[in-house]
Amino acid sequence: VSISKRLSLLPTNLRISSASTGARTALAQLMRGRAVELTGLKNAAAYNGLTAVVLSEAANERGRWDVSATLVTLVPRSNLRPHDVTALREDDQHPKEATTKPDGRDAPQNVD
């Protein structure tokens, strides 16, 4: 199972994912496609330690970089039985954005 989340973070919350670099990254090292580790997040602490990929070419007007963090977990095959799985209907194949934050609080809803 793979779950992705797009976040806009300050450079102080991004560390270059590399065995050779243990220190926090310098702003000049951030670039699109670079793998980073999420660190120091307080309101979304559940994401600390996850690896993400930088999506933006540069920081936005608030100094934040867009990143995509992906959590991958394996579901043991023996735990899934036919009666545990339900087929999606055609209109269910595009999941809506989650309405709960990692800490269990309700997330703000997007309004069209």
C-alpha atoms as a PDB file:
ATOM      1  CA  VAL A   1       0.000   0.000   0.000  1.00  0.00           C
ATOM      2  CA  SER A   2       1.352   3.413  -0.947  1.00  0.00           C
ATOM      3  CA  ILE A   3       0.071   6.729   0.441  1.00  0.00           C
ATOM      4  CA  SER A   4       1.347  10.079  -0.901  1.00  0.00           C
ATOM      5  CA  LYS A   5       0.963  13.525   0.647  1.00  0.00           C
ATOM      6  CA  ARG A   6       1.948  16.872  -0.856  1.00  0.00           C
ATOM      7  CA  LEU A   7       3.330  19.362   1.661  1.00  0.00           C
ATOM      8  CA  SER A   8       4.769  22.913   1.521  1.00  0.00           C
ATOM      9  CA  LEU A   9       7.664  23.108   3.968  1.00  0.00           C
ATOM     10  CA  LEU A  10      10.415  25.446   5.055  1.00  0.00           C
ATOM     11  CA  PRO A  11      14.002  24.490   4.188  1.00  0.00           C
ATOM     12  CA  THR A  12      14.699  23.931   7.898  1.00  0.00           C
ATOM     13  CA  ASN A  13      12.298  20.965   7.737  1.00  0.00           C
ATOM     14  CA  LEU A  14      14.112  19.348   4.805  1.00  0.00           C
ATOM     15  CA  ARG A  15      17.325  17.354   5.064  1.00  0.00           C
ATOM     16  CA  ILE A  16      19.124  15.951   2.032  1.00  0.00           C
ATOM     17  CA  SER A  17      18.688  12.153   2.042  1.00  0.00           C
ATOM     18  CA  SER A  18      22.266  11.033   1.669  1.00  0.00           C
ATOM     19  CA  ALA A  19      24.646   8.865   3.649  1.00  0.00           C
ATOM     20  CA  SER A  20      27.334  11.502   3.158  1.00  0.00           C
ATOM     21  CA  THR A  21      25.257  14.441   4.440  1.00  0.00           C
ATOM     22  CA  GLY A  22      24.077  14.392   8.026  1.00  0.00           C
ATOM     23  CA  ALA A  23      23.578  18.128   8.460  1.00  0.00           C
ATOM     24  CA  ARG A  24      20.539  20.089   7.433  1.00  0.00           C
ATOM     25  CA  THR A  25      20.626  21.137   3.842  1.00  0.00           C
ATOM     26  CA  ALA A  26      21.720  24.527   2.609  1.00  0.00           C
ATOM     27  CA  LEU A  27      19.112  26.358   0.546  1.00  0.00           C
ATOM     28  CA  ALA A  28      21.355  26.080  -2.534  1.00  0.00           C
ATOM     29  CA  GLN A  29      21.196  22.257  -2.390  1.00  0.00           C
ATOM     30  CA  LEU A  30      17.405  22.124  -2.716  1.00  0.00           C
ATOM     31  CA  MET A  31      16.222  21.454  -6.255  1.00  0.00           C
ATOM     32  CA  ARG A  32      13.377  19.741  -8.070  1.00  0.00           C
ATOM     33  CA  GLY A  33      13.663  15.954  -7.927  1.00  0.00           C
ATOM     34  CA  ARG A  34      16.011  15.934  -4.907  1.00  0.00           C
ATOM     35  CA  ALA A  35      15.233  13.350  -2.216  1.00  0.00           C
ATOM     36  CA  VAL A  36      14.888  14.868   1.247  1.00  0.00           C
ATOM     37  CA  GLU A  37      14.033  13.645   4.725  1.00  0.00           C
ATOM     38  CA  LEU A  38      11.284  15.462   6.624  1.00  0.00           C
ATOM     39  CA  THR A  39      12.435  16.642  10.030  1.00  0.00           C
ATOM     40  CA  GLY A  40      11.446  19.003  12.836  1.00  0.00           C
ATOM     41  CA  LEU A  41       7.748  19.142  11.969  1.00  0.00           C
ATOM     42  CA  LYS A  42       5.605  19.987  14.996  1.00  0.00           C
ATOM     43  CA  ASN A  43       2.020  20.208  13.698  1.00  0.00           C
ATOM     44  CA  ALA A  44       2.540  17.210  11.393  1.00  0.00           C
ATOM     45  CA  ALA A  45       5.053  15.273  13.492  1.00  0.00           C
ATOM     46  CA  ALA A  46       3.798  11.970  12.049  1.00  0.00           C
ATOM     47  CA  TYR A  47       5.647  12.861   8.823  1.00  0.00           C
ATOM     48  CA  ASN A  48       9.048  13.313  10.522  1.00  0.00           C
ATOM     49  CA  GLY A  49      11.542  10.768   9.212  1.00  0.00           C
ATOM     50  CA  LEU A  50       9.702  10.142   5.934  1.00  0.00           C
ATOM     51  CA  THR A  51      11.510  10.538   2.636  1.00  0.00           C
ATOM     52  CA  ALA A  52      10.032  13.034   0.181  1.00  0.00           C
ATOM     53  CA  VAL A  53      10.856  14.368  -3.280  1.00  0.00           C
ATOM     54  CA  VAL A  54      11.092  18.113  -3.985  1.00  0.00           C
ATOM     55  CA  LEU A  55       8.415  19.093  -6.522  1.00  0.00           C
ATOM     56  CA  SER A  56       9.005  22.834  -6.895  1.00  0.00           C
ATOM     57  CA  GLU A  57      11.704  24.624  -8.876  1.00  0.00           C
ATOM     58  CA  ALA A  58      12.134  27.231  -6.124  1.00  0.00           C
ATOM     59  CA  ALA A  59      10.619  28.327  -2.837  1.00  0.00           C
ATOM     60  CA  ASN A  60       7.214  30.012  -2.991  1.00  0.00           C
ATOM     61  CA  GLU A  61       6.549  33.581  -1.788  1.00  0.00           C
ATOM     62  CA  ARG A  62       6.411  32.301   1.831  1.00  0.00           C
ATOM     63  CA  GLY A  63       9.794  30.562   1.510  1.00  0.00           C
ATOM     64  CA  ARG A  64       8.285  27.067   1.397  1.00  0.00           C
ATOM     65  CA  TRP A  65       9.145  24.209  -0.950  1.00  0.00           C
ATOM     66  CA  ASP A  66       6.549  21.774  -2.302  1.00  0.00           C
ATOM     67  CA  VAL A  67       7.438  18.157  -1.596  1.00  0.00           C
ATOM     68  CA  SER A  68       5.686  14.826  -2.037  1.00  0.00           C
ATOM     69  CA  ALA A  69       6.102  12.344   0.803  1.00  0.00           C
ATOM     70  CA  THR A  70       5.197   8.715   0.213  1.00  0.00           C
ATOM     71  CA  LEU A  71       4.599   6.096   2.860  1.00  0.00           C
ATOM     72  CA  VAL A  72       4.866   2.556   1.560  1.00  0.00           C
ATOM     73  CA  THR A  73       3.815  -0.373   3.683  1.00  0.00           C
ATOM     74  CA  LEU A  74       3.468  -4.020   2.872  1.00  0.00           C
ATOM     75  CA  VAL A  75       0.224  -5.819   3.571  1.00  0.00           C
ATOM     76  CA  PRO A  76       0.869  -9.500   4.216  1.00  0.00           C
ATOM     77  CA  ARG A  77      -0.864 -11.493   1.532  1.00  0.00           C
ATOM     78  CA  SER A  78      -2.229 -13.965   4.062  1.00  0.00           C
ATOM     79  CA  ASN A  79      -4.196 -11.187   5.800  1.00  0.00           C
ATOM     80  CA  LEU A  80      -6.426 -10.479   2.796  1.00  0.00           C
ATOM     81  CA  ARG A  81      -9.328 -12.801   2.199  1.00  0.00           C
ATOM     82  CA  PRO A  82     -11.943 -12.425  -0.549  1.00  0.00           C
ATOM     83  CA  HIS A  83     -14.610 -11.321   1.942  1.00  0.00           C
ATOM     84  CA  ASP A  84     -12.223  -8.576   3.195  1.00  0.00           C
ATOM     85  CA  VAL A  85     -12.027  -6.893  -0.214  1.00  0.00           C
ATOM     86  CA  THR A  86     -14.722  -4.881  -1.971  1.00  0.00           C
ATOM     87  CA  ALA A  87     -14.592  -3.946  -5.655  1.00  0.00           C
ATOM     88  CA  LEU A  88     -14.706  -0.221  -6.415  1.00  0.00           C
ATOM     89  CA  ARG A  89     -17.565   1.213  -8.385  1.00  0.00           C
ATOM     90  CA  GLU A  90     -16.668   3.360 -11.408  1.00  0.00           C
ATOM     91  CA  ASP A  91     -17.283   6.607  -9.452  1.00  0.00           C
ATOM     92  CA  ASP A  92     -15.154   5.410  -6.479  1.00  0.00           C
ATOM     93  CA  GLN A  93     -11.916   5.045  -8.460  1.00  0.00           C
ATOM     94  CA  HIS A  94     -10.779   8.610  -7.754  1.00  0.00           C
ATOM     95  CA  PRO A  95     -10.475   8.866  -3.965  1.00  0.00           C
ATOM     96  CA  LYS A  96     -11.300  12.174  -2.325  1.00  0.00           C
ATOM     97  CA  GLU A  97      -8.694  14.011  -0.245  1.00  0.00           C
ATOM     98  CA  ALA A  98      -8.408  12.731   3.309  1.00  0.00           C
ATOM     99  CA  THR A  99     -10.473  14.626   5.854  1.00  0.00           C
ATOM    100  CA  THR A 100      -8.358  13.662   8.865  1.00  0.00           C
ATOM    101  CA  LYS A 101      -4.850  14.837   9.707  1.00  0.00           C
ATOM    102  CA  PRO A 102      -2.202  12.321  10.903  1.00  0.00           C
ATOM    103  CA  ASP A 103      -2.842  13.415  14.499  1.00  0.00           C
ATOM    104  CA  GLY A 104      -6.544  12.478  14.168  1.00  0.00           C
ATOM    105  CA  ARG A 105      -7.908  16.048  13.951  1.00  0.00           C
ATOM    106  CA  ASP A 106     -10.217  17.025  11.099  1.00  0.00           C
ATOM    107  CA  ALA A 107      -8.459  18.623   8.149  1.00  0.00           C
ATOM    108  CA  PRO A 108      -9.925  21.712   6.442  1.00  0.00           C
ATOM    109  CA  GLN A 109     -12.152  20.861   3.490  1.00  0.00           C
ATOM    110  CA  ASN A 110     -11.632  22.256   0.000  1.00  0.00           C
ATOM    111  CA  VAL A 111     -14.652  24.196  -1.192  1.00  0.00           C
ATOM    112  CA  ASP A 112     -15.238  24.753  -4.897  1.00  0.00           C
END
